[in-house]
Amino acid sequence: MHGQITLKLFQFAKDEIYKFSSEPFTLASGQQSQHYFNCKKITLLPERLSLLAEALKNELIPVFSKTVPQAVGGLTLGADPISYALSLAYLKDGNTVFPLVVRKEAKGHGTLRQIEGEAEQVDEVIVLDDVITTAGSTIKAVHAFRSAGIRVKNAVCIVDREEGGKEALEKEEISLYSLFVKSDFI
């Protein structure tokens, strides 16, 4: 655990987002697991989302970066509320951090863009996700950012399920930092 805000979030997470079932859940990766983390109970509730943004900004991101990031973002839907809240948390301190949204597929009309936001103004982004299992969604966002000429060196998530995602990101030369890991809950 990192700090007071993270500890407060952990207590909530233990009580509300973590579920164990003898009947396995099907995860976004397609894998089956008896352990489920519903991080939407954090990212889609304003008070909890604000707390999450403060924990990331003040307690987790400073672990690996001494500077304010240029941008944060990832694959839509998991990363979207986190990137918006984090961007607003930095703005309260007078810092502009651009939220970037990676579409699952490039638009088939208009600008045909896969990345929305001020990507042209960004050299580097911290890639975000709510839960990482195999890191498939996160890596899809990484590839989109890199195709747009944006560097990615670090990834941040709420929960690392400890099921290969960290190692998959390391193969992409990305370090993963999480507020929590699955073993924290077991």
C-alpha atoms as a PDB file:
ATOM      1  CA  MET A   1       0.000   0.000   0.000  1.00  0.00           C
ATOM      2  CA  HIS A   2       1.166   3.523  -0.624  1.00  0.00           C
ATOM      3  CA  GLY A   3      -0.553   6.204   1.427  1.00  0.00           C
ATOM      4  CA  GLN A   4      -3.643   7.247   3.337  1.00  0.00           C
ATOM      5  CA  ILE A   5      -5.837   7.782   0.273  1.00  0.00           C
ATOM      6  CA  THR A   6      -4.870   4.386  -1.131  1.00  0.00           C
ATOM      7  CA  LEU A   7      -5.616   2.731   2.215  1.00  0.00           C
ATOM      8  CA  LYS A   8      -9.060   4.334   2.247  1.00  0.00           C
ATOM      9  CA  LEU A   9      -9.693   3.080  -1.303  1.00  0.00           C
ATOM     10  CA  PHE A  10      -8.448  -0.396  -0.370  1.00  0.00           C
ATOM     11  CA  GLN A  11     -10.928  -0.704   2.487  1.00  0.00           C
ATOM     12  CA  PHE A  12     -13.733   0.204   0.120  1.00  0.00           C
ATOM     13  CA  ALA A  13     -12.366  -2.121  -2.586  1.00  0.00           C
ATOM     14  CA  LYS A  14     -12.235  -5.065  -0.168  1.00  0.00           C
ATOM     15  CA  ASP A  15     -15.860  -4.496   0.800  1.00  0.00           C
ATOM     16  CA  GLU A  16     -17.352  -3.503  -2.562  1.00  0.00           C
ATOM     17  CA  ILE A  17     -15.389  -4.319  -5.735  1.00  0.00           C
ATOM     18  CA  TYR A  18     -13.898  -7.722  -4.977  1.00  0.00           C
ATOM     19  CA  LYS A  19     -16.069 -10.808  -5.385  1.00  0.00           C
ATOM     20  CA  PHE A  20     -15.210 -14.480  -4.995  1.00  0.00           C
ATOM     21  CA  SER A  21     -17.440 -17.196  -6.395  1.00  0.00           C
ATOM     22  CA  SER A  22     -17.122 -20.960  -6.654  1.00  0.00           C
ATOM     23  CA  GLU A  23     -18.734 -20.537 -10.095  1.00  0.00           C
ATOM     24  CA  PRO A  24     -16.096 -18.862 -12.302  1.00  0.00           C
ATOM     25  CA  PHE A  25     -16.648 -15.466 -13.926  1.00  0.00           C
ATOM     26  CA  THR A  26     -15.745 -14.896 -17.583  1.00  0.00           C
ATOM     27  CA  LEU A  27     -13.275 -12.012 -17.837  1.00  0.00           C
ATOM     28  CA  ALA A  28     -12.765  -9.525 -20.689  1.00  0.00           C
ATOM     29  CA  SER A  29      -9.675 -11.555 -21.654  1.00  0.00           C
ATOM     30  CA  GLY A  30     -11.945 -14.585 -22.152  1.00  0.00           C
ATOM     31  CA  GLN A  31     -10.312 -16.369 -19.211  1.00  0.00           C
ATOM     32  CA  GLN A  32     -12.315 -17.849 -16.355  1.00  0.00           C
ATOM     33  CA  SER A  33     -11.660 -16.844 -12.745  1.00  0.00           C
ATOM     34  CA  GLN A  34     -13.270 -17.246  -9.354  1.00  0.00           C
ATOM     35  CA  HIS A  35     -12.009 -13.757  -8.472  1.00  0.00           C
ATOM     36  CA  TYR A  36     -13.809 -10.743  -9.931  1.00  0.00           C
ATOM     37  CA  PHE A  37     -13.043  -7.039  -9.549  1.00  0.00           C
ATOM     38  CA  ASN A  38     -15.803  -4.592 -10.494  1.00  0.00           C
ATOM     39  CA  CYS A  39     -13.796  -1.363 -10.618  1.00  0.00           C
ATOM     40  CA  LYS A  40     -16.776   0.446 -12.164  1.00  0.00           C
ATOM     41  CA  LYS A  41     -17.901   0.749  -8.506  1.00  0.00           C
ATOM     42  CA  ILE A  42     -14.987   3.197  -8.227  1.00  0.00           C
ATOM     43  CA  THR A  43     -14.702   4.738 -11.686  1.00  0.00           C
ATOM     44  CA  LEU A  44     -18.388   5.491 -12.215  1.00  0.00           C
ATOM     45  CA  LEU A  45     -19.151   7.013  -8.817  1.00  0.00           C
ATOM     46  CA  PRO A  46     -17.949  10.640  -8.551  1.00  0.00           C
ATOM     47  CA  GLU A  47     -16.769  10.650  -4.922  1.00  0.00           C
ATOM     48  CA  ARG A  48     -14.826   7.407  -5.341  1.00  0.00           C
ATOM     49  CA  LEU A  49     -13.450   8.444  -8.733  1.00  0.00           C
ATOM     50  CA  SER A  50     -12.179  11.691  -7.219  1.00  0.00           C
ATOM     51  CA  LEU A  51     -10.499   9.709  -4.438  1.00  0.00           C
ATOM     52  CA  LEU A  52      -8.938   7.402  -7.046  1.00  0.00           C
ATOM     53  CA  ALA A  53      -7.553  10.349  -9.015  1.00  0.00           C
ATOM     54  CA  GLU A  54      -5.997  11.804  -5.854  1.00  0.00           C
ATOM     55  CA  ALA A  55      -4.445   8.432  -4.953  1.00  0.00           C
ATOM     56  CA  LEU A  56      -2.942   8.088  -8.427  1.00  0.00           C
ATOM     57  CA  LYS A  57      -1.728  11.698  -8.604  1.00  0.00           C
ATOM     58  CA  ASN A  58      -0.353  11.997  -5.080  1.00  0.00           C
ATOM     59  CA  GLU A  59       0.631   8.459  -4.114  1.00  0.00           C
ATOM     60  CA  LEU A  60       1.208   6.163  -7.110  1.00  0.00           C
ATOM     61  CA  ILE A  61       2.496   8.252 -10.032  1.00  0.00           C
ATOM     62  CA  PRO A  62       5.177   9.929  -7.850  1.00  0.00           C
ATOM     63  CA  VAL A  63       6.619   6.429  -7.226  1.00  0.00           C
ATOM     64  CA  PHE A  64       7.900   6.349 -10.827  1.00  0.00           C
ATOM     65  CA  SER A  65       7.786   9.962 -12.021  1.00  0.00           C
ATOM     66  CA  LYS A  66       9.066  13.158 -10.457  1.00  0.00           C
ATOM     67  CA  THR A  67       7.315  15.258 -13.104  1.00  0.00           C
ATOM     68  CA  VAL A  68       3.709  15.893 -14.069  1.00  0.00           C
ATOM     69  CA  PRO A  69       2.746  13.681 -17.039  1.00  0.00           C
ATOM     70  CA  GLN A  70       1.916  15.258 -20.388  1.00  0.00           C
ATOM     71  CA  ALA A  71      -1.021  12.944 -20.934  1.00  0.00           C
ATOM     72  CA  VAL A  72      -2.914   9.976 -19.529  1.00  0.00           C
ATOM     73  CA  GLY A  73      -5.288   7.624 -21.288  1.00  0.00           C
ATOM     74  CA  GLY A  74      -6.025   4.221 -22.642  1.00  0.00           C
ATOM     75  CA  LEU A  75      -8.550   2.027 -24.351  1.00  0.00           C
ATOM     76  CA  THR A  76     -12.137   3.176 -24.031  1.00  0.00           C
ATOM     77  CA  LEU A  77     -14.168   2.398 -21.522  1.00  0.00           C
ATOM     78  CA  GLY A  78     -11.946   1.224 -18.684  1.00  0.00           C
ATOM     79  CA  ALA A  79      -9.490   4.110 -18.956  1.00  0.00           C
ATOM     80  CA  ASP A  80     -11.872   6.942 -19.844  1.00  0.00           C
ATOM     81  CA  PRO A  81     -13.221   8.017 -16.436  1.00  0.00           C
ATOM     82  CA  ILE A  82      -9.794   7.542 -14.837  1.00  0.00           C
ATOM     83  CA  SER A  83      -8.085   9.757 -17.418  1.00  0.00           C
ATOM     84  CA  TYR A  84     -10.708  12.509 -17.131  1.00  0.00           C
ATOM     85  CA  ALA A  85     -10.613  12.518 -13.326  1.00  0.00           C
ATOM     86  CA  LEU A  86      -6.809  12.462 -13.234  1.00  0.00           C
ATOM     87  CA  SER A  87      -6.626  15.311 -15.738  1.00  0.00           C
ATOM     88  CA  LEU A  88      -8.992  17.382 -13.578  1.00  0.00           C
ATOM     89  CA  ALA A  89      -7.060  16.530 -10.395  1.00  0.00           C
ATOM     90  CA  TYR A  90      -3.863  17.857 -11.983  1.00  0.00           C
ATOM     91  CA  LEU A  91      -5.706  20.940 -13.250  1.00  0.00           C
ATOM     92  CA  LYS A  92      -6.642  21.817  -9.642  1.00  0.00           C
ATOM     93  CA  ASP A  93      -2.878  22.217  -9.076  1.00  0.00           C
ATOM     94  CA  GLY A  94      -2.547  24.393 -12.192  1.00  0.00           C
ATOM     95  CA  ASN A  95      -1.126  21.605 -14.403  1.00  0.00           C
ATOM     96  CA  THR A  96      -2.508  20.641 -17.797  1.00  0.00           C
ATOM     97  CA  VAL A  97      -2.479  16.883 -18.354  1.00  0.00           C
ATOM     98  CA  PHE A  98      -4.276  15.857 -21.536  1.00  0.00           C
ATOM     99  CA  PRO A  99      -6.733  12.953 -21.318  1.00  0.00           C
ATOM    100  CA  LEU A 100      -6.488  10.747 -24.411  1.00  0.00           C
ATOM    101  CA  VAL A 101      -9.101   8.205 -25.474  1.00  0.00           C
ATOM    102  CA  VAL A 102      -8.149   5.254 -27.657  1.00  0.00           C
ATOM    103  CA  ARG A 103     -11.052   3.887 -29.674  1.00  0.00           C
ATOM    104  CA  LYS A 104     -11.200   0.115 -30.091  1.00  0.00           C
ATOM    105  CA  GLU A 105     -11.113   0.738 -33.853  1.00  0.00           C
ATOM    106  CA  ALA A 106     -10.294   3.860 -35.858  1.00  0.00           C
ATOM    107  CA  LYS A 107     -13.344   5.900 -36.838  1.00  0.00           C
ATOM    108  CA  GLY A 108     -14.762   4.974 -40.230  1.00  0.00           C
ATOM    109  CA  HIS A 109     -15.830   8.563 -40.896  1.00  0.00           C
ATOM    110  CA  GLY A 110     -14.725  12.148 -40.322  1.00  0.00           C
ATOM    111  CA  THR A 111     -11.070  12.330 -39.258  1.00  0.00           C
ATOM    112  CA  LEU A 112     -10.680   8.516 -39.174  1.00  0.00           C
ATOM    113  CA  ARG A 113      -8.807   8.867 -35.885  1.00  0.00           C
ATOM    114  CA  GLN A 114      -8.280   6.121 -33.349  1.00  0.00           C
ATOM    115  CA  ILE A 115      -7.007   8.480 -30.637  1.00  0.00           C
ATOM    116  CA  GLU A 116      -9.210  11.336 -29.451  1.00  0.00           C
ATOM    117  CA  GLY A 117      -7.879  14.322 -27.531  1.00  0.00           C
ATOM    118  CA  GLU A 118      -4.883  16.594 -28.000  1.00  0.00           C
ATOM    119  CA  ALA A 119      -2.556  13.820 -29.169  1.00  0.00           C
ATOM    120  CA  GLU A 120      -0.618  16.205 -31.455  1.00  0.00           C
ATOM    121  CA  GLN A 121       0.580  18.111 -28.377  1.00  0.00           C
ATOM    122  CA  VAL A 122       1.867  15.000 -26.604  1.00  0.00           C
ATOM    123  CA  ASP A 123       5.236  13.225 -26.764  1.00  0.00           C
ATOM    124  CA  GLU A 124       4.573  10.719 -23.963  1.00  0.00           C
ATOM    125  CA  VAL A 125       1.539   9.236 -22.202  1.00  0.00           C
ATOM    126  CA  ILE A 126       0.929   7.120 -19.114  1.00  0.00           C
ATOM    127  CA  VAL A 127      -1.391   4.355 -20.267  1.00  0.00           C
ATOM    128  CA  LEU A 128      -4.283   3.583 -17.899  1.00  0.00           C
ATOM    129  CA  ASP A 129      -6.686   0.721 -17.279  1.00  0.00           C
ATOM    130  CA  ASP A 130      -8.991  -0.274 -14.452  1.00  0.00           C
ATOM    131  CA  VAL A 131      -8.127  -3.986 -14.172  1.00  0.00           C
ATOM    132  CA  ILE A 132      -5.262  -5.773 -15.927  1.00  0.00           C
ATOM    133  CA  THR A 133      -5.331  -9.532 -16.443  1.00  0.00           C
ATOM    134  CA  THR A 134      -3.381 -10.367 -19.626  1.00  0.00           C
ATOM    135  CA  ALA A 135      -2.932  -6.657 -20.543  1.00  0.00           C
ATOM    136  CA  GLY A 136      -4.507  -7.234 -23.964  1.00  0.00           C
ATOM    137  CA  SER A 137      -6.590  -4.038 -23.850  1.00  0.00           C
ATOM    138  CA  THR A 138      -3.711  -2.038 -22.440  1.00  0.00           C
ATOM    139  CA  ILE A 139      -1.326  -3.284 -25.126  1.00  0.00           C
ATOM    140  CA  LYS A 140      -3.881  -2.415 -27.821  1.00  0.00           C
ATOM    141  CA  ALA A 141      -3.845   1.170 -26.485  1.00  0.00           C
ATOM    142  CA  VAL A 142      -0.025   1.134 -26.335  1.00  0.00           C
ATOM    143  CA  HIS A 143       0.187   0.124 -29.998  1.00  0.00           C
ATOM    144  CA  ALA A 144      -2.258   2.889 -30.994  1.00  0.00           C
ATOM    145  CA  PHE A 145      -0.226   5.487 -29.072  1.00  0.00           C
ATOM    146  CA  ARG A 146       3.057   4.278 -30.532  1.00  0.00           C
ATOM    147  CA  SER A 147       1.582   4.278 -34.055  1.00  0.00           C
ATOM    148  CA  ALA A 148       0.723   7.944 -33.466  1.00  0.00           C
ATOM    149  CA  GLY A 149       4.340   8.653 -32.443  1.00  0.00           C
ATOM    150  CA  ILE A 150       3.597   8.898 -28.711  1.00  0.00           C
ATOM    151  CA  ARG A 151       6.016   7.231 -26.268  1.00  0.00           C
ATOM    152  CA  VAL A 152       4.669   4.886 -23.604  1.00  0.00           C
ATOM    153  CA  LYS A 153       6.959   3.752 -20.778  1.00  0.00           C
ATOM    154  CA  ASN A 154       4.558   3.313 -17.852  1.00  0.00           C
ATOM    155  CA  ALA A 155       1.146   1.797 -17.256  1.00  0.00           C
ATOM    156  CA  VAL A 156      -1.120   2.383 -14.260  1.00  0.00           C
ATOM    157  CA  CYS A 157      -4.136   0.374 -13.148  1.00  0.00           C
ATOM    158  CA  ILE A 158      -6.349  -0.014 -10.112  1.00  0.00           C
ATOM    159  CA  VAL A 159      -5.946  -3.804  -9.870  1.00  0.00           C
ATOM    160  CA  ASP A 160      -3.295  -6.078 -11.350  1.00  0.00           C
ATOM    161  CA  ARG A 161      -4.847  -9.556 -11.350  1.00  0.00           C
ATOM    162  CA  GLU A 162      -1.308 -11.050 -11.360  1.00  0.00           C
ATOM    163  CA  GLU A 163      -2.144 -13.288 -14.308  1.00  0.00           C
ATOM    164  CA  GLY A 164       0.538 -12.328 -16.833  1.00  0.00           C
ATOM    165  CA  GLY A 165      -0.354  -8.728 -17.633  1.00  0.00           C
ATOM    166  CA  LYS A 166       2.705  -7.232 -15.953  1.00  0.00           C
ATOM    167  CA  GLU A 167       4.994  -9.613 -17.833  1.00  0.00           C
ATOM    168  CA  ALA A 168       3.228  -8.937 -21.153  1.00  0.00           C
ATOM    169  CA  LEU A 169       3.749  -5.203 -20.627  1.00  0.00           C
ATOM    170  CA  GLU A 170       7.411  -5.749 -19.726  1.00  0.00           C
ATOM    171  CA  LYS A 171       7.843  -7.418 -23.147  1.00  0.00           C
ATOM    172  CA  GLU A 172       6.598  -4.115 -24.599  1.00  0.00           C
ATOM    173  CA  GLU A 173       9.187  -2.300 -22.422  1.00  0.00           C
ATOM    174  CA  ILE A 174       6.482  -0.859 -20.171  1.00  0.00           C
ATOM    175  CA  SER A 175       6.517  -0.851 -16.366  1.00  0.00           C
ATOM    176  CA  LEU A 176       3.198  -1.567 -14.644  1.00  0.00           C
ATOM    177  CA  TYR A 177       2.230   0.203 -11.424  1.00  0.00           C
ATOM    178  CA  SER A 178      -0.994  -0.769  -9.669  1.00  0.00           C
ATOM    179  CA  LEU A 179      -2.755   0.456  -6.571  1.00  0.00           C
ATOM    180  CA  PHE A 180      -3.664  -3.122  -5.699  1.00  0.00           C
ATOM    181  CA  VAL A 181      -2.876  -6.687  -6.750  1.00  0.00           C
ATOM    182  CA  LYS A 182      -5.172  -9.701  -6.567  1.00  0.00           C
ATOM    183  CA  SER A 183      -3.170 -11.233  -3.708  1.00  0.00           C
ATOM    184  CA  ASP A 184      -4.011  -8.178  -1.557  1.00  0.00           C
ATOM    185  CA  PHE A 185      -7.599  -9.455  -1.471  1.00  0.00           C
ATOM    186  CA  ILE A 186      -7.082 -13.175  -0.937  1.00  0.00           C
END
